[in-house]
Amino acid sequence: MDQRQRDEKFMRMALNEAQKAFDMQEVPIGAVIVAGERIVGRGHNMVETLCDATAHAEMQALTAAMSTLGGKYLKDCTIYVTVEPCIMCAGALAWSQIGRVVYGAADAKRGYSTYSERVLHPRTQLSTGILAEECESLMNSFFTALR
């Protein structure tokens, strides 16, 4: 399996997490964290459910991965997230020293890159646009239903 196929496989798992958020009437963003071929953390937005502005998908996945691996650094891990992380989540990813960030849809309004491209850890590798259309479609469906 080449890197693109692997990225799409795990992004589909992140999309499954995003669908869980959608079904809970949460903004449909999902994340999975992978070490090797093993998912060590997963999460979806739970902001409304928990009444917690920090309960983003990435934060849920980070907490789960750190608990699973027994440490705060995720240098050998990759996070797959359906939408570009916000500045808060990108900061948390930087503190975790995550090895790679892969996201689907860009977020021109709230994505970390609207503030600075240098938020992530200097050694973190970045891949974007993986299954972007599917990620955007889920977000569009959610926000269309709200209107």
N, C-alpha and C. Protein backbone atom coordinates (compact mmCIF):
# COMPACT_ATOMS: atom_id res chain seq x y z
N MET A 1 0.85 -1.18 0.00
CA MET A 1 0.00 0.00 0.00
C MET A 1 0.90 1.24 0.00
N ASP A 2 0.67 2.15 -0.96
CA ASP A 2 1.48 3.36 -1.01
C ASP A 2 0.95 4.41 -0.02
N GLN A 3 1.68 5.50 0.12
CA GLN A 3 1.33 6.52 1.12
C GLN A 3 -0.04 7.12 0.87
N ARG A 4 -0.38 7.39 -0.38
CA ARG A 4 -1.69 7.99 -0.70
C ARG A 4 -2.82 7.05 -0.29
N GLN A 5 -2.67 5.76 -0.57
CA GLN A 5 -3.69 4.78 -0.19
C GLN A 5 -3.82 4.69 1.33
N ARG A 6 -2.69 4.71 2.00
CA ARG A 6 -2.70 4.66 3.47
C ARG A 6 -3.39 5.90 4.04
N ASP A 7 -3.06 7.06 3.48
CA ASP A 7 -3.68 8.31 3.93
C ASP A 7 -5.19 8.28 3.72
N GLU A 8 -5.63 7.78 2.57
CA GLU A 8 -7.06 7.72 2.30
C GLU A 8 -7.76 6.72 3.24
N LYS A 9 -7.10 5.61 3.52
CA LYS A 9 -7.67 4.61 4.44
C LYS A 9 -7.94 5.23 5.81
N PHE A 10 -6.95 5.92 6.36
CA PHE A 10 -7.12 6.48 7.70
C PHE A 10 -8.00 7.73 7.68
N MET A 11 -8.01 8.47 6.58
CA MET A 11 -8.92 9.62 6.49
C MET A 11 -10.36 9.14 6.46
N ARG A 12 -10.62 8.00 5.86
CA ARG A 12 -11.98 7.44 5.88
C ARG A 12 -12.39 7.11 7.31
N MET A 13 -11.46 6.69 8.11
CA MET A 13 -11.76 6.42 9.52
C MET A 13 -12.04 7.73 10.26
N ALA A 14 -11.31 8.78 9.91
CA ALA A 14 -11.59 10.10 10.49
C ALA A 14 -12.97 10.59 10.04
N LEU A 15 -13.33 10.32 8.79
CA LEU A 15 -14.67 10.68 8.31
C LEU A 15 -15.75 9.92 9.06
N ASN A 16 -15.48 8.68 9.45
CA ASN A 16 -16.44 7.94 10.28
C ASN A 16 -16.64 8.64 11.62
N GLU A 17 -15.55 9.15 12.19
CA GLU A 17 -15.66 9.92 13.43
C GLU A 17 -16.46 11.20 13.21
N ALA A 18 -16.22 11.87 12.08
CA ALA A 18 -16.95 13.10 11.76
C ALA A 18 -18.44 12.81 11.62
N GLN A 19 -18.77 11.67 11.05
CA GLN A 19 -20.19 11.29 10.91
C GLN A 19 -20.84 11.11 12.28
N LYS A 20 -20.09 10.59 13.25
CA LYS A 20 -20.61 10.46 14.62
C LYS A 20 -20.96 11.84 15.17
N ALA A 21 -20.08 12.81 14.93
CA ALA A 21 -20.36 14.17 15.38
C ALA A 21 -21.61 14.72 14.68
N PHE A 22 -21.69 14.52 13.38
CA PHE A 22 -22.85 14.96 12.60
C PHE A 22 -24.13 14.39 13.19
N ASP A 23 -24.12 13.10 13.49
CA ASP A 23 -25.30 12.42 14.04
C ASP A 23 -25.68 12.95 15.42
N MET A 24 -24.71 13.52 16.13
CA MET A 24 -24.96 14.12 17.45
C MET A 24 -25.26 15.62 17.35
N GLN A 25 -25.41 16.13 16.12
CA GLN A 25 -25.64 17.54 15.84
C GLN A 25 -24.48 18.42 16.31
N GLU A 26 -23.29 17.86 16.21
CA GLU A 26 -22.04 18.58 16.46
C GLU A 26 -21.43 18.94 15.11
N VAL A 27 -20.58 19.96 15.06
CA VAL A 27 -19.87 20.27 13.83
C VAL A 27 -19.10 19.01 13.44
N PRO A 28 -19.30 18.51 12.22
CA PRO A 28 -18.78 17.18 11.86
C PRO A 28 -17.29 17.17 11.49
N ILE A 29 -16.49 17.15 12.52
CA ILE A 29 -15.04 17.00 12.34
C ILE A 29 -14.61 15.77 13.12
N GLY A 30 -13.79 14.96 12.48
CA GLY A 30 -13.30 13.74 13.11
C GLY A 30 -11.80 13.63 12.97
N ALA A 31 -11.19 12.87 13.88
CA ALA A 31 -9.73 12.70 13.87
C ALA A 31 -9.38 11.30 14.35
N VAL A 32 -8.32 10.76 13.76
CA VAL A 32 -7.70 9.53 14.27
C VAL A 32 -6.20 9.74 14.32
N ILE A 33 -5.57 9.16 15.32
CA ILE A 33 -4.11 9.22 15.45
C ILE A 33 -3.59 7.80 15.29
N VAL A 34 -2.58 7.67 14.43
CA VAL A 34 -2.05 6.37 14.05
C VAL A 34 -0.57 6.29 14.42
N ALA A 35 -0.20 5.16 15.01
CA ALA A 35 1.21 4.83 15.27
C ALA A 35 1.47 3.54 14.49
N GLY A 36 2.33 3.63 13.49
CA GLY A 36 2.54 2.47 12.61
C GLY A 36 1.28 2.24 11.81
N GLU A 37 0.65 1.11 12.02
CA GLU A 37 -0.63 0.80 11.36
C GLU A 37 -1.77 0.72 12.37
N ARG A 38 -1.51 1.15 13.59
CA ARG A 38 -2.47 1.00 14.69
C ARG A 38 -3.07 2.34 15.09
N ILE A 39 -4.38 2.40 15.18
CA ILE A 39 -5.04 3.61 15.69
C ILE A 39 -4.87 3.62 17.21
N VAL A 40 -4.27 4.70 17.70
CA VAL A 40 -4.04 4.82 19.14
C VAL A 40 -4.92 5.88 19.79
N GLY A 41 -5.60 6.67 18.96
CA GLY A 41 -6.53 7.67 19.47
C GLY A 41 -7.51 8.06 18.41
N ARG A 42 -8.71 8.35 18.83
CA ARG A 42 -9.73 8.82 17.89
C ARG A 42 -10.64 9.78 18.62
N GLY A 43 -11.28 10.65 17.84
CA GLY A 43 -12.20 11.59 18.45
C GLY A 43 -13.02 12.32 17.42
N HIS A 44 -14.08 12.91 17.90
CA HIS A 44 -14.93 13.77 17.07
C HIS A 44 -15.37 14.94 17.95
N ASN A 45 -15.83 15.99 17.30
CA ASN A 45 -16.25 17.15 18.05
C ASN A 45 -17.31 16.79 19.07
N MET A 46 -17.15 17.29 20.29
CA MET A 46 -18.10 17.08 21.37
C MET A 46 -18.34 18.39 22.13
N VAL A 47 -18.17 19.50 21.45
CA VAL A 47 -18.27 20.82 22.06
C VAL A 47 -19.64 21.03 22.69
N GLU A 48 -20.70 20.75 21.94
CA GLU A 48 -22.07 20.97 22.44
C GLU A 48 -22.42 19.94 23.50
N THR A 49 -22.08 18.69 23.25
CA THR A 49 -22.40 17.60 24.16
C THR A 49 -21.79 17.83 25.54
N LEU A 50 -20.54 18.25 25.57
CA LEU A 50 -19.82 18.43 26.83
C LEU A 50 -19.89 19.87 27.35
N CYS A 51 -20.50 20.78 26.56
CA CYS A 51 -20.51 22.21 26.92
C CYS A 51 -19.09 22.67 27.20
N ASP A 52 -18.18 22.35 26.28
CA ASP A 52 -16.75 22.61 26.45
C ASP A 52 -16.18 23.08 25.12
N ALA A 53 -15.80 24.34 25.06
CA ALA A 53 -15.27 24.92 23.82
C ALA A 53 -13.97 24.27 23.37
N THR A 54 -13.31 23.52 24.24
CA THR A 54 -12.05 22.86 23.87
C THR A 54 -12.24 21.41 23.44
N ALA A 55 -13.45 20.92 23.39
CA ALA A 55 -13.71 19.51 23.10
C ALA A 55 -13.73 19.24 21.59
N HIS A 56 -12.70 19.72 20.91
CA HIS A 56 -12.56 19.50 19.47
C HIS A 56 -12.09 18.07 19.21
N ALA A 57 -12.32 17.61 17.99
CA ALA A 57 -11.94 16.25 17.59
C ALA A 57 -10.47 15.97 17.86
N GLU A 58 -9.61 16.92 17.49
CA GLU A 58 -8.17 16.72 17.67
C GLU A 58 -7.80 16.59 19.14
N MET A 59 -8.42 17.39 19.98
CA MET A 59 -8.12 17.35 21.42
C MET A 59 -8.55 16.01 22.01
N GLN A 60 -9.72 15.52 21.57
CA GLN A 60 -10.20 14.21 22.05
C GLN A 60 -9.23 13.11 21.61
N ALA A 61 -8.79 13.17 20.36
CA ALA A 61 -7.88 12.15 19.82
C ALA A 61 -6.51 12.22 20.50
N LEU A 62 -6.02 13.44 20.73
CA LEU A 62 -4.72 13.60 21.41
C LEU A 62 -4.76 12.99 22.81
N THR A 63 -5.79 13.30 23.56
CA THR A 63 -5.91 12.76 24.92
C THR A 63 -5.93 11.24 24.90
N ALA A 64 -6.71 10.67 23.98
CA ALA A 64 -6.79 9.21 23.87
C ALA A 64 -5.44 8.61 23.49
N ALA A 65 -4.75 9.21 22.53
CA ALA A 65 -3.46 8.67 22.07
C ALA A 65 -2.42 8.73 23.17
N MET A 66 -2.35 9.84 23.86
CA MET A 66 -1.36 9.98 24.94
C MET A 66 -1.64 8.98 26.06
N SER A 67 -2.91 8.76 26.34
CA SER A 67 -3.27 7.76 27.35
C SER A 67 -2.90 6.36 26.89
N THR A 68 -3.19 6.04 25.64
CA THR A 68 -2.88 4.72 25.08
C THR A 68 -1.38 4.46 25.09
N LEU A 69 -0.60 5.46 24.69
CA LEU A 69 0.84 5.28 24.55
C LEU A 69 1.60 5.57 25.84
N GLY A 70 0.95 6.18 26.81
CA GLY A 70 1.58 6.44 28.09
C GLY A 70 2.62 7.55 28.07
N GLY A 71 2.43 8.55 27.21
CA GLY A 71 3.38 9.66 27.16
C GLY A 71 2.78 10.85 26.43
N LYS A 72 3.41 12.01 26.62
CA LYS A 72 2.86 13.24 26.03
C LYS A 72 3.40 13.56 24.64
N TYR A 73 4.42 12.86 24.19
CA TYR A 73 5.00 13.14 22.88
C TYR A 73 4.58 12.08 21.86
N LEU A 74 4.20 12.55 20.70
CA LEU A 74 3.69 11.66 19.65
C LEU A 74 4.54 11.79 18.38
N LYS A 75 5.84 11.79 18.55
CA LYS A 75 6.78 12.01 17.45
C LYS A 75 6.63 11.00 16.32
N ASP A 76 6.25 9.79 16.64
CA ASP A 76 6.15 8.73 15.63
C ASP A 76 4.71 8.49 15.18
N CYS A 77 3.85 9.46 15.41
CA CYS A 77 2.44 9.31 15.08
C CYS A 77 2.00 10.29 13.99
N THR A 78 0.89 9.94 13.37
CA THR A 78 0.24 10.79 12.38
C THR A 78 -1.19 11.02 12.82
N ILE A 79 -1.64 12.27 12.75
CA ILE A 79 -3.06 12.56 12.96
C ILE A 79 -3.71 12.80 11.62
N TYR A 80 -4.86 12.19 11.44
CA TYR A 80 -5.71 12.39 10.27
C TYR A 80 -6.94 13.13 10.77
N VAL A 81 -7.18 14.31 10.25
CA VAL A 81 -8.31 15.12 10.68
C VAL A 81 -9.04 15.64 9.44
N THR A 82 -10.36 15.63 9.49
CA THR A 82 -11.15 15.93 8.30
C THR A 82 -11.08 17.39 7.87
N VAL A 83 -10.83 18.28 8.81
CA VAL A 83 -10.76 19.72 8.51
C VAL A 83 -9.49 20.28 9.14
N GLU A 84 -8.90 21.25 8.47
CA GLU A 84 -7.70 21.92 8.98
C GLU A 84 -7.87 22.30 10.45
N PRO A 85 -6.92 21.94 11.30
CA PRO A 85 -7.03 22.29 12.72
C PRO A 85 -7.09 23.80 12.97
N CYS A 86 -7.82 24.17 14.01
CA CYS A 86 -7.85 25.56 14.44
C CYS A 86 -6.52 25.88 15.15
N ILE A 87 -6.36 27.12 15.53
CA ILE A 87 -5.12 27.55 16.17
C ILE A 87 -4.91 26.83 17.52
N MET A 88 -5.98 26.59 18.27
CA MET A 88 -5.87 25.88 19.55
C MET A 88 -5.37 24.45 19.32
N CYS A 89 -6.00 23.77 18.39
CA CYS A 89 -5.62 22.37 18.14
C CYS A 89 -4.23 22.27 17.53
N ALA A 90 -3.89 23.19 16.65
CA ALA A 90 -2.54 23.19 16.07
C ALA A 90 -1.50 23.41 17.16
N GLY A 91 -1.80 24.27 18.12
CA GLY A 91 -0.89 24.48 19.25
C GLY A 91 -0.71 23.21 20.07
N ALA A 92 -1.81 22.51 20.33
CA ALA A 92 -1.74 21.25 21.07
C ALA A 92 -0.95 20.21 20.29
N LEU A 93 -1.16 20.17 18.98
CA LEU A 93 -0.39 19.25 18.14
C LEU A 93 1.10 19.58 18.20
N ALA A 94 1.41 20.87 18.21
CA ALA A 94 2.82 21.28 18.32
C ALA A 94 3.42 20.82 19.65
N TRP A 95 2.67 21.02 20.74
CA TRP A 95 3.18 20.60 22.05
C TRP A 95 3.38 19.10 22.12
N SER A 96 2.57 18.34 21.38
CA SER A 96 2.72 16.88 21.38
C SER A 96 3.88 16.43 20.49
N GLN A 97 4.41 17.37 19.70
CA GLN A 97 5.48 17.07 18.75
C GLN A 97 5.08 15.97 17.77
N ILE A 98 3.82 15.97 17.39
CA ILE A 98 3.32 14.93 16.48
C ILE A 98 4.15 14.92 15.20
N GLY A 99 4.40 13.74 14.69
CA GLY A 99 5.28 13.59 13.53
C GLY A 99 4.69 14.08 12.22
N ARG A 100 3.37 13.91 12.09
CA ARG A 100 2.75 14.26 10.80
C ARG A 100 1.30 14.65 11.02
N VAL A 101 0.86 15.67 10.31
CA VAL A 101 -0.53 16.11 10.31
C VAL A 101 -1.06 15.95 8.89
N VAL A 102 -2.18 15.27 8.76
CA VAL A 102 -2.84 15.09 7.47
C VAL A 102 -4.27 15.59 7.63
N TYR A 103 -4.67 16.58 6.82
CA TYR A 103 -6.06 17.01 6.89
C TYR A 103 -6.70 17.02 5.52
N GLY A 104 -8.04 16.95 5.55
CA GLY A 104 -8.81 16.91 4.32
C GLY A 104 -9.11 18.30 3.79
N ALA A 105 -10.12 18.93 4.36
CA ALA A 105 -10.59 20.23 3.88
C ALA A 105 -9.85 21.38 4.57
N ALA A 106 -9.51 22.39 3.80
CA ALA A 106 -8.94 23.62 4.38
C ALA A 106 -10.06 24.39 5.08
N ASP A 107 -9.70 25.22 6.04
CA ASP A 107 -10.65 26.07 6.74
C ASP A 107 -10.18 27.52 6.63
N ALA A 108 -10.70 28.21 5.64
CA ALA A 108 -10.26 29.58 5.34
C ALA A 108 -10.66 30.58 6.43
N LYS A 109 -11.62 30.23 7.27
CA LYS A 109 -12.07 31.15 8.31
C LYS A 109 -11.37 30.92 9.65
N ARG A 110 -11.21 29.65 10.04
CA ARG A 110 -10.70 29.37 11.38
C ARG A 110 -9.50 28.45 11.42
N GLY A 111 -8.99 28.04 10.28
CA GLY A 111 -7.83 27.16 10.25
C GLY A 111 -6.58 27.87 10.76
N TYR A 112 -5.68 27.10 11.35
CA TYR A 112 -4.47 27.69 11.94
C TYR A 112 -3.66 28.47 10.92
N SER A 113 -3.70 28.07 9.66
CA SER A 113 -2.85 28.73 8.66
C SER A 113 -3.30 30.16 8.37
N THR A 114 -4.51 30.52 8.78
CA THR A 114 -4.93 31.92 8.62
C THR A 114 -4.20 32.82 9.61
N TYR A 115 -3.64 32.23 10.66
CA TYR A 115 -2.88 32.97 11.66
C TYR A 115 -1.39 32.91 11.38
N SER A 116 -0.90 31.70 11.14
CA SER A 116 0.52 31.50 10.87
C SER A 116 0.74 30.08 10.37
N GLU A 117 1.61 29.93 9.41
CA GLU A 117 2.00 28.61 8.92
C GLU A 117 2.96 27.92 9.89
N ARG A 118 3.50 28.68 10.83
CA ARG A 118 4.58 28.18 11.70
C ARG A 118 4.09 27.69 13.05
N VAL A 119 2.80 27.42 13.19
CA VAL A 119 2.26 26.99 14.48
C VAL A 119 2.69 25.58 14.83
N LEU A 120 2.70 24.68 13.86
CA LEU A 120 3.06 23.29 14.14
C LEU A 120 4.54 23.18 14.52
N HIS A 121 4.89 22.08 15.15
CA HIS A 121 6.28 21.82 15.53
C HIS A 121 7.14 21.85 14.26
N PRO A 122 8.36 22.37 14.33
CA PRO A 122 9.21 22.49 13.13
C PRO A 122 9.47 21.16 12.41
N ARG A 123 9.46 20.05 13.13
CA ARG A 123 9.72 18.75 12.50
C ARG A 123 8.46 18.06 12.00
N THR A 124 7.31 18.62 12.29
CA THR A 124 6.05 18.00 11.86
C THR A 124 5.88 18.12 10.35
N GLN A 125 5.60 17.00 9.72
CA GLN A 125 5.32 16.99 8.28
C GLN A 125 3.83 17.24 8.08
N LEU A 126 3.49 17.86 6.96
CA LEU A 126 2.11 18.23 6.69
C LEU A 126 1.68 17.73 5.31
N SER A 127 0.49 17.13 5.26
CA SER A 127 -0.14 16.74 4.00
C SER A 127 -1.58 17.25 4.04
N THR A 128 -2.04 17.82 2.94
CA THR A 128 -3.38 18.41 2.92
C THR A 128 -4.18 17.91 1.72
N GLY A 129 -5.48 18.11 1.78
CA GLY A 129 -6.35 17.80 0.66
C GLY A 129 -6.71 16.33 0.49
N ILE A 130 -6.44 15.51 1.48
CA ILE A 130 -6.77 14.08 1.39
C ILE A 130 -8.28 13.91 1.56
N LEU A 131 -8.94 13.38 0.55
CA LEU A 131 -10.40 13.22 0.52
C LEU A 131 -11.12 14.53 0.83
N ALA A 132 -10.57 15.62 0.34
CA ALA A 132 -11.09 16.96 0.64
C ALA A 132 -12.56 17.10 0.26
N GLU A 133 -12.95 16.57 -0.89
CA GLU A 133 -14.34 16.72 -1.33
C GLU A 133 -15.31 16.06 -0.36
N GLU A 134 -14.98 14.87 0.11
CA GLU A 134 -15.85 14.18 1.07
C GLU A 134 -15.92 14.94 2.39
N CYS A 135 -14.78 15.45 2.82
CA CYS A 135 -14.72 16.21 4.08
C CYS A 135 -15.54 17.50 3.97
N GLU A 136 -15.39 18.21 2.85
CA GLU A 136 -16.15 19.44 2.63
C GLU A 136 -17.64 19.16 2.51
N SER A 137 -17.99 18.08 1.84
CA SER A 137 -19.39 17.74 1.63
C SER A 137 -20.12 17.52 2.97
N LEU A 138 -19.48 16.82 3.88
CA LEU A 138 -20.09 16.59 5.19
C LEU A 138 -20.29 17.91 5.94
N MET A 139 -19.29 18.77 5.89
CA MET A 139 -19.41 20.08 6.53
C MET A 139 -20.53 20.90 5.89
N ASN A 140 -20.57 20.92 4.57
CA ASN A 140 -21.61 21.68 3.86
C ASN A 140 -23.00 21.16 4.19
N SER A 141 -23.16 19.85 4.27
CA SER A 141 -24.45 19.26 4.62
C SER A 141 -24.89 19.71 6.01
N PHE A 142 -23.97 19.73 6.93
CA PHE A 142 -24.27 20.14 8.30
C PHE A 142 -24.74 21.59 8.35
N PHE A 143 -23.97 22.47 7.73
CA PHE A 143 -24.30 23.89 7.82
C PHE A 143 -25.52 24.25 6.97
N THR A 144 -25.76 23.53 5.89
CA THR A 144 -26.98 23.74 5.10
C THR A 144 -28.21 23.39 5.93
N ALA A 145 -28.13 22.31 6.68
CA ALA A 145 -29.26 21.87 7.52
C ALA A 145 -29.54 22.88 8.63
N LEU A 146 -28.53 23.61 9.10
CA LEU A 146 -28.73 24.62 10.15
C LEU A 146 -29.50 25.83 9.64
N ARG A 147 -29.35 26.12 8.36
CA ARG A 147 -29.95 27.34 7.79
C ARG A 147 -31.36 27.16 7.43
